[in-house]
Amino acid sequence: MRGKAVSGKSIFVLCLASFLAGSLFTSRTWTTTHNKIHQPNHGSYKLGQVQQIAPDFDHKRKLAEGKADDIMGEVSKTHKAIQSLDKTISSLEMELAVARMRQSSGGHSQLEKSTSNHSLPKAFVVIGINTAFSSRKRRDSLRETWMPTGEKLRKLEREKGIVIRFVIGHSATAGGVLDKALDKEEAEHKDFLRLKHVEGYHKLSTKTRLYFSTAVSMWDSEFYVKVDDDVHLNLGTLATTLAQYRSKPRIYIGCMKSGPVLSQKGVKYHEPEYWKFGEDGNQYFRHATGQIYGISKDLAAYISINSPILHRYANEDVSLGSWFIGLEVEHVDDHSMCCATPPDCEWKAQAGHVCVASFDWSCSGVCKSVERMKYVHDSCGEGDGAVWKVDI
């Protein structure tokens, strides 16, 4: 049985539909393939990232290794900057204290003289040599050995900032024979610092306090040193030693000791206020021995500002130590400042360890210093040209 014939129109429609369906299928397939082709390969992308990061990391690692020394250098610079900042802060605190005292006192003159150092001559160290009216020969023995005189003394101040003066007050009868003799000596040598103070062995604490106050009012110095007139001193070695501490704001340097508190009357170094130090047999707190010691500028200014209320014990070295006992002060115990006389200081000099100062403990200075100072100087001196080579 034959089927029904399909019309030509139907065949045409079917062909058109097949064509459109084929076109649609082909278009979708091409789009999908195209998208796959252009879709990023995540594995390759990550690998590219690693390849880019790896050289960068390696470069940074090499930089870090290459700059290890530079980093340590920066750390050192930072440490020095902190020290400098600490010193600056300390100076500002001191100036603030001055301003407060000036305001409360209602006046300026004495405080401004003693603490406003902007117009004062600059110095590295002021060395005050404690002396007495009867010590003319001792002074001459120093002028003939370790202490420059005349134009050399002035040159030392100008070029090295080292100021040296014999420190003395006046006699009980001001303007008397003793004072006139000193006037003549001063006119000849011009190396004295005259204090408004009546001379006397039992007034050394007052004299010490007044020396630092006066020195601060005359020189804007980094350090202030006190030394006795029967002690041998190497100026260059002293300057080199002090220079190590110039970044520190509050330095107290010397040979630190702690001797017994002597309560028995009539003995040398008797302490009338022995009861303040506890039971009999107790010892003093650590303090620098009185033959030589040095303090930095802030401590000298502190003494000047607080001078009226600083207590004075019988012994001047104990008094000085007591003024700093409750402060943030660095105590430097330097035994090169208390060498014995030859052969001790001579052996040390030959070994390359030149002493700052030399004296005999048994005499609290160089025994028979007038006769022996030249011998000590020849044996233990650093050489006359040493101080001029010091880089301060």
Protein backbone atom coordinates (compact mmCIF):
# COMPACT_ATOMS: atom_id res chain seq x y z
CA MET A 1 0.00 0.00 0.00
CA ARG A 2 1.53 3.23 -0.99
CA GLY A 3 1.90 6.15 1.59
CA LYS A 4 0.77 9.65 1.26
CA ALA A 5 3.06 11.84 -0.81
CA VAL A 6 4.88 14.71 0.96
CA SER A 7 4.34 18.10 -0.56
CA GLY A 8 7.22 20.22 -1.82
CA LYS A 9 6.38 22.99 0.64
CA SER A 10 6.81 20.65 3.56
CA ILE A 11 10.15 19.48 2.27
CA PHE A 12 11.32 23.08 1.94
CA VAL A 13 10.30 23.93 5.53
CA LEU A 14 12.02 20.82 6.88
CA CYS A 15 15.23 21.67 5.06
CA LEU A 16 15.16 25.23 6.33
CA ALA A 17 14.64 24.05 9.92
CA SER A 18 17.50 21.56 9.61
CA PHE A 19 19.79 24.30 8.31
CA LEU A 20 18.93 26.66 11.14
CA ALA A 21 19.39 23.93 13.75
CA GLY A 22 22.77 23.03 12.30
CA SER A 23 23.85 26.68 12.27
CA LEU A 24 22.81 27.12 15.90
CA PHE A 25 24.68 24.01 17.00
CA THR A 26 27.82 25.04 15.14
CA SER A 27 27.71 28.56 16.66
CA ARG A 28 27.43 27.25 20.26
CA THR A 29 30.21 24.75 19.73
CA TRP A 30 32.55 27.41 18.34
CA THR A 31 31.81 29.82 21.23
CA THR A 32 32.55 27.16 23.85
CA THR A 33 35.80 26.17 22.16
CA HIS A 34 36.79 29.80 21.79
CA ASN A 35 36.16 30.45 25.46
CA LYS A 36 38.23 27.43 26.47
CA ILE A 37 41.04 28.55 24.25
CA HIS A 38 41.08 32.04 25.83
CA GLN A 39 40.44 30.90 29.42
CA PRO A 40 43.66 31.38 31.50
CA ASN A 41 45.47 28.29 32.64
CA HIS A 42 45.60 28.69 36.43
CA GLY A 43 48.49 26.30 36.79
CA SER A 44 50.57 28.22 34.29
CA TYR A 45 49.57 31.51 35.89
CA LYS A 46 50.67 30.40 39.32
CA LEU A 47 53.92 29.11 37.92
CA GLY A 48 54.51 32.47 36.30
CA GLN A 49 53.89 34.16 39.61
CA VAL A 50 56.39 31.92 41.34
CA GLN A 51 58.91 32.56 38.62
CA GLN A 52 58.44 36.31 39.06
CA ILE A 53 58.48 36.23 42.89
CA ALA A 54 61.47 33.92 43.20
CA PRO A 55 63.99 36.29 41.57
CA ASP A 56 62.59 39.20 43.58
CA PHE A 57 62.90 37.28 46.85
CA ASP A 58 66.39 36.18 45.94
CA HIS A 59 67.33 39.78 45.18
CA LYS A 60 66.02 40.98 48.53
CA ARG A 61 67.80 38.17 50.34
CA LYS A 62 71.08 39.15 48.72
CA LEU A 63 70.49 42.78 49.64
CA ALA A 64 69.83 41.81 53.26
CA GLU A 65 72.97 39.72 53.40
CA GLY A 66 75.03 42.41 51.72
CA LYS A 67 73.82 45.10 54.11
CA ALA A 68 74.31 43.22 57.39
CA ASP A 69 77.26 45.42 58.29
CA ASP A 70 75.30 48.52 57.31
CA ILE A 71 72.46 47.47 59.61
CA MET A 72 74.87 47.10 62.54
CA GLY A 73 76.28 50.49 61.68
CA GLU A 74 72.81 51.99 61.76
CA VAL A 75 72.18 50.36 65.15
CA SER A 76 75.39 51.92 66.46
CA LYS A 77 74.39 55.33 65.09
CA THR A 78 70.98 54.99 66.70
CA HIS A 79 72.58 54.13 70.04
CA LYS A 80 74.81 57.20 69.82
CA ALA A 81 71.83 59.35 68.86
CA ILE A 82 69.94 58.10 71.92
CA GLN A 83 72.92 58.94 74.13
CA SER A 84 73.13 62.41 72.61
CA LEU A 85 69.39 62.90 73.11
CA ASP A 86 69.69 61.82 76.75
CA LYS A 87 72.43 64.39 77.28
CA THR A 88 70.36 67.09 75.57
CA ILE A 89 67.32 66.26 77.70
CA SER A 90 69.46 66.42 80.83
CA SER A 91 70.75 69.85 79.83
CA LEU A 92 67.23 71.08 79.14
CA GLU A 93 66.07 69.77 82.51
CA MET A 94 68.91 71.66 84.16
CA GLU A 95 67.98 74.86 82.32
CA LEU A 96 64.36 74.37 83.38
CA ALA A 97 65.46 74.03 86.99
CA VAL A 98 67.44 77.25 86.63
CA ALA A 99 64.44 79.05 85.19
CA ARG A 100 62.22 77.87 88.04
CA MET A 101 64.73 78.99 90.66
CA ARG A 102 65.15 82.31 88.91
CA GLN A 103 61.39 82.83 88.93
CA SER A 104 60.97 81.83 92.57
CA SER A 105 63.92 83.93 93.73
CA GLY A 106 62.73 87.00 91.85
CA GLY A 107 66.21 87.83 90.60
CA HIS A 108 68.62 86.94 87.86
CA SER A 109 72.13 88.10 88.53
CA GLN A 110 73.82 85.27 90.38
CA LEU A 111 71.81 82.50 88.72
CA GLU A 112 72.38 83.92 85.29
CA LYS A 113 76.10 84.22 85.93
CA SER A 114 76.39 80.68 87.19
CA THR A 115 74.15 78.81 84.76
CA SER A 116 73.43 80.77 81.58
CA ASN A 117 76.50 79.72 79.63
CA HIS A 118 75.56 80.97 76.16
CA SER A 119 78.09 83.84 76.23
CA LEU A 120 80.80 82.13 78.27
CA PRO A 121 84.09 80.87 76.80
CA LYS A 122 83.80 77.25 75.66
CA ALA A 123 86.16 74.67 77.14
CA PHE A 124 86.64 70.94 77.20
CA VAL A 125 87.86 70.72 80.78
CA VAL A 126 88.58 73.20 83.56
CA ILE A 127 91.26 71.94 85.95
CA GLY A 128 91.31 73.63 89.32
CA ILE A 129 94.46 73.01 91.36
CA ASN A 130 93.67 73.35 95.05
CA THR A 131 96.43 75.35 96.72
CA ALA A 132 97.18 77.46 99.80
CA PHE A 133 99.13 80.60 100.67
CA SER A 134 102.01 78.54 102.03
CA SER A 135 102.33 76.46 98.86
CA ARG A 136 104.30 78.78 96.56
CA LYS A 137 107.07 76.19 96.10
CA ARG A 138 104.55 73.49 95.29
CA ARG A 139 103.01 75.69 92.62
CA ASP A 140 106.42 76.36 91.11
CA SER A 141 107.17 72.62 91.07
CA LEU A 142 104.07 72.10 88.91
CA ARG A 143 104.91 75.00 86.60
CA GLU A 144 108.32 73.40 86.07
CA THR A 145 106.87 69.98 85.22
CA TRP A 146 103.39 69.09 83.94
CA MET A 147 101.68 72.49 83.92
CA PRO A 148 102.27 74.80 80.92
CA THR A 149 103.00 78.44 81.67
CA GLY A 150 102.72 81.79 79.93
CA GLU A 151 101.75 81.69 76.27
CA LYS A 152 101.67 77.86 76.25
CA LEU A 153 98.96 77.97 78.91
CA ARG A 154 96.89 80.39 76.80
CA LYS A 155 97.50 78.30 73.68
CA LEU A 156 96.32 75.17 75.49
CA GLU A 157 93.05 76.95 76.25
CA ARG A 158 92.56 78.20 72.70
CA GLU A 159 93.53 75.05 70.79
CA LYS A 160 92.54 72.23 73.14
CA GLY A 161 89.98 73.79 75.45
CA ILE A 162 92.00 72.81 78.53
CA VAL A 163 91.90 75.49 81.21
CA ILE A 164 94.23 75.22 84.23
CA ARG A 165 94.10 77.49 87.28
CA PHE A 166 95.40 77.43 90.84
CA VAL A 167 92.34 77.81 93.07
CA ILE A 168 92.64 79.87 96.22
CA GLY A 169 90.58 82.23 98.39
CA HIS A 170 91.76 85.12 100.54
CA SER A 171 93.24 85.37 104.01
CA ALA A 172 91.26 86.13 107.16
CA THR A 173 92.51 89.70 106.87
CA ALA A 174 91.66 90.46 103.25
CA GLY A 175 94.26 92.70 101.62
CA GLY A 176 96.95 91.70 104.10
CA VAL A 177 100.51 90.50 103.50
CA LEU A 178 99.47 87.06 102.25
CA ASP A 179 97.02 88.47 99.73
CA LYS A 180 99.51 91.03 98.45
CA ALA A 181 102.14 88.33 97.92
CA LEU A 182 99.57 86.34 95.94
CA ASP A 183 98.65 89.44 93.91
CA LYS A 184 102.29 89.70 92.86
CA GLU A 185 102.49 86.03 91.92
CA GLU A 186 99.26 86.29 89.95
CA ALA A 187 100.51 89.31 88.03
CA GLU A 188 103.58 87.30 87.05
CA HIS A 189 101.91 84.04 85.98
CA LYS A 190 98.22 84.84 85.39
CA ASP A 191 97.18 81.32 86.37
CA PHE A 192 94.94 81.81 89.42
CA LEU A 193 91.23 81.50 90.10
CA ARG A 194 90.54 83.66 93.16
CA LEU A 195 87.52 82.71 95.24
CA LYS A 196 85.49 84.77 97.67
CA HIS A 197 86.42 82.40 100.43
CA VAL A 198 88.51 82.51 103.59
CA GLU A 199 91.30 79.93 103.30
CA GLY A 200 91.51 77.18 105.91
CA TYR A 201 92.04 73.40 105.93
CA HIS A 202 88.78 72.76 107.76
CA LYS A 203 86.87 74.72 105.14
CA LEU A 204 87.74 72.57 102.15
CA SER A 205 84.15 71.40 101.63
CA THR A 206 83.03 75.01 101.30
CA LYS A 207 85.97 75.78 99.02
CA THR A 208 85.17 72.81 96.78
CA ARG A 209 81.55 73.82 96.49
CA LEU A 210 82.54 77.40 95.69
CA TYR A 211 85.16 76.30 93.16
CA PHE A 212 82.67 74.40 91.03
CA SER A 213 80.07 77.18 91.30
CA THR A 214 82.62 79.81 90.27
CA ALA A 215 84.10 77.73 87.45
CA VAL A 216 80.63 77.14 85.96
CA SER A 217 80.02 80.88 86.01
CA MET A 218 83.25 81.57 84.09
CA TRP A 219 83.56 78.73 81.55
CA ASP A 220 81.06 76.63 79.64
CA SER A 221 83.05 73.43 79.96
CA GLU A 222 82.19 69.78 79.38
CA PHE A 223 84.11 68.69 82.49
CA TYR A 224 85.43 70.22 85.70
CA VAL A 225 88.34 68.63 87.56
CA LYS A 226 89.78 69.30 91.00
CA VAL A 227 93.36 68.21 91.79
CA ASP A 228 95.68 68.91 94.70
CA ASP A 229 98.93 70.83 94.22
CA ASP A 230 101.07 67.86 95.30
CA VAL A 231 99.78 65.43 92.64
CA HIS A 232 101.47 64.61 89.33
CA LEU A 233 99.13 64.85 86.35
CA ASN A 234 99.40 63.79 82.70
CA LEU A 235 97.21 66.27 80.85
CA GLY A 236 96.94 64.36 77.57
CA THR A 237 95.97 61.11 79.29
CA LEU A 238 93.40 62.95 81.42
CA ALA A 239 91.84 64.54 78.33
CA THR A 240 91.70 61.20 76.51
CA THR A 241 90.09 59.54 79.54
CA LEU A 242 87.43 62.22 79.93
CA ALA A 243 86.65 62.23 76.20
CA GLN A 244 85.35 58.66 76.52
CA TYR A 245 82.45 59.97 78.63
CA ARG A 246 81.53 63.16 76.81
CA SER A 247 78.26 61.63 75.53
CA LYS A 248 77.13 60.92 79.10
CA PRO A 249 75.23 63.71 80.90
CA ARG A 250 76.18 63.03 84.54
CA ILE A 251 79.67 61.63 85.14
CA TYR A 252 81.55 61.49 88.44
CA ILE A 253 85.03 60.07 87.88
CA GLY A 254 87.94 59.27 90.17
CA CYS A 255 89.34 56.51 92.36
CA MET A 256 86.32 55.39 94.32
CA LYS A 257 86.88 54.40 97.94
CA SER A 258 84.94 53.76 101.12
CA GLY A 259 86.95 54.55 104.22
CA PRO A 260 85.96 54.22 107.86
CA VAL A 261 83.90 56.91 109.57
CA LEU A 262 86.17 58.15 112.36
CA SER A 263 84.18 59.10 115.43
CA GLN A 264 87.09 59.64 117.82
CA LYS A 265 87.89 63.29 118.44
CA GLY A 266 91.40 64.54 117.81
CA VAL A 267 92.28 62.10 115.03
CA LYS A 268 92.92 63.17 111.46
CA TYR A 269 89.78 63.06 109.27
CA HIS A 270 87.51 63.02 112.34
CA GLU A 271 83.86 63.12 111.33
CA PRO A 272 81.77 65.15 113.83
CA GLU A 273 78.57 63.85 112.22
CA TYR A 274 79.62 60.21 112.48
CA TRP A 275 76.25 59.27 113.99
CA LYS A 276 74.56 59.88 110.62
CA PHE A 277 76.41 56.90 109.15
CA GLY A 278 75.08 54.31 111.57
CA GLU A 279 76.90 52.37 114.25
CA ASP A 280 80.56 52.80 115.21
CA GLY A 281 82.87 51.12 112.74
CA ASN A 282 80.69 51.81 109.73
CA GLN A 283 82.16 53.06 106.47
CA TYR A 284 81.33 55.94 104.17
CA PHE A 285 79.43 55.42 100.93
CA ARG A 286 81.57 55.13 97.80
CA HIS A 287 83.14 58.42 96.76
CA ALA A 288 86.16 59.60 94.80
CA THR A 289 89.36 60.12 96.77
CA GLY A 290 90.13 63.79 97.30
CA GLN A 291 93.49 64.02 95.51
CA ILE A 292 91.80 64.23 92.11
CA TYR A 293 88.30 63.81 90.70
CA GLY A 294 86.19 65.15 87.87
CA ILE A 295 82.53 65.83 87.17
CA SER A 296 80.58 66.64 84.01
CA LYS A 297 78.90 69.96 83.30
CA ASP A 298 75.43 69.05 84.54
CA LEU A 299 76.76 68.04 87.95
CA ALA A 300 78.80 71.22 88.26
CA ALA A 301 75.67 73.21 87.36
CA TYR A 302 73.72 71.21 89.92
CA ILE A 303 76.23 72.23 92.61
CA SER A 304 76.00 75.85 91.53
CA ILE A 305 72.19 75.92 91.54
CA ASN A 306 71.80 74.11 94.86
CA SER A 307 74.88 75.50 96.59
CA PRO A 308 73.07 77.08 99.55
CA ILE A 309 71.45 73.81 100.63
CA LEU A 310 74.27 71.32 99.95
CA HIS A 311 75.44 69.85 103.23
CA ARG A 312 79.15 69.93 104.07
CA TYR A 313 80.80 67.14 106.00
CA ALA A 314 84.22 67.44 107.59
CA ASN A 315 85.99 65.93 104.58
CA GLU A 316 85.55 67.54 101.17
CA ASP A 317 85.66 64.31 99.17
CA VAL A 318 82.88 62.85 101.35
CA SER A 319 80.88 66.04 100.91
CA LEU A 320 81.13 65.88 97.12
CA GLY A 321 80.10 62.22 97.09
CA SER A 322 77.12 62.94 99.33
CA TRP A 323 75.82 65.59 96.93
CA PHE A 324 75.46 62.97 94.19
CA ILE A 325 74.39 59.94 96.22
CA GLY A 326 70.68 60.41 95.51
CA LEU A 327 71.02 61.48 91.87
CA GLU A 328 71.11 59.56 88.60
CA VAL A 329 74.90 59.76 88.35
CA GLU A 330 77.35 57.35 86.77
CA HIS A 331 80.24 56.69 89.15
CA VAL A 332 83.40 55.86 87.18
CA ASP A 333 86.06 54.09 89.25
CA ASP A 334 89.27 54.74 87.29
CA HIS A 335 92.42 53.53 89.03
CA SER A 336 94.68 55.23 86.50
CA MET A 337 93.82 58.37 88.47
CA CYS A 338 95.50 57.08 91.62
CA CYS A 339 98.74 55.41 90.61
CA ALA A 340 101.58 55.29 93.09
CA THR A 341 104.83 57.15 92.41
CA PRO A 342 107.84 55.33 90.88
CA PRO A 343 108.36 52.52 90.39
CA ASP A 344 104.59 51.86 90.07
CA CYS A 345 103.66 54.58 87.56
CA GLU A 346 106.99 54.11 85.79
CA TRP A 347 106.38 50.39 85.16
CA LYS A 348 102.87 51.13 83.93
CA ALA A 349 104.15 53.81 81.55
CA GLN A 350 106.76 51.41 80.15
CA ALA A 351 103.99 48.85 79.59
CA GLY A 352 101.98 51.40 77.62
CA HIS A 353 99.52 52.22 80.39
CA VAL A 354 100.32 55.84 81.22
CA CYS A 355 98.68 56.99 84.44
CA VAL A 356 96.38 59.98 84.62
CA ALA A 357 97.64 60.94 88.09
CA SER A 358 100.28 59.70 90.53
CA PHE A 359 100.80 60.29 94.24
CA ASP A 360 101.70 58.49 97.48
CA TRP A 361 98.77 57.28 99.58
CA SER A 362 100.84 57.58 102.74
CA CYS A 363 101.22 61.34 102.18
CA SER A 364 97.86 61.94 100.42
CA GLY A 365 99.99 63.37 97.62
CA VAL A 366 103.55 63.06 96.33
CA CYS A 367 105.71 62.82 99.44
CA LYS A 368 108.09 65.81 99.59
CA SER A 369 106.51 66.95 96.34
CA VAL A 370 108.65 70.09 95.96
CA GLU A 371 111.82 67.98 95.81
CA ARG A 372 110.37 64.91 94.05
CA MET A 373 107.87 66.26 91.50
CA LYS A 374 110.48 66.55 88.74
CA TYR A 375 111.65 62.98 89.41
CA VAL A 376 108.09 61.68 89.19
CA HIS A 377 107.51 63.68 86.03
CA ASP A 378 110.68 62.37 84.36
CA SER A 379 109.79 58.79 85.31
CA CYS A 380 106.04 58.76 84.71
CA GLY A 381 105.31 61.69 82.43
CA GLU A 382 103.63 61.15 79.07
CA GLY A 383 105.99 63.55 77.29
CA ASP A 384 105.62 67.30 76.93
CA GLY A 385 104.11 67.04 73.44
CA ALA A 386 101.47 64.43 74.28
CA VAL A 387 98.69 66.83 75.19
CA TRP A 388 99.05 68.66 71.85
CA LYS A 389 98.45 65.41 69.93
CA VAL A 390 95.21 64.58 71.69
CA ASP A 391 92.16 64.74 69.44
CA ILE A 392 89.38 66.21 71.55
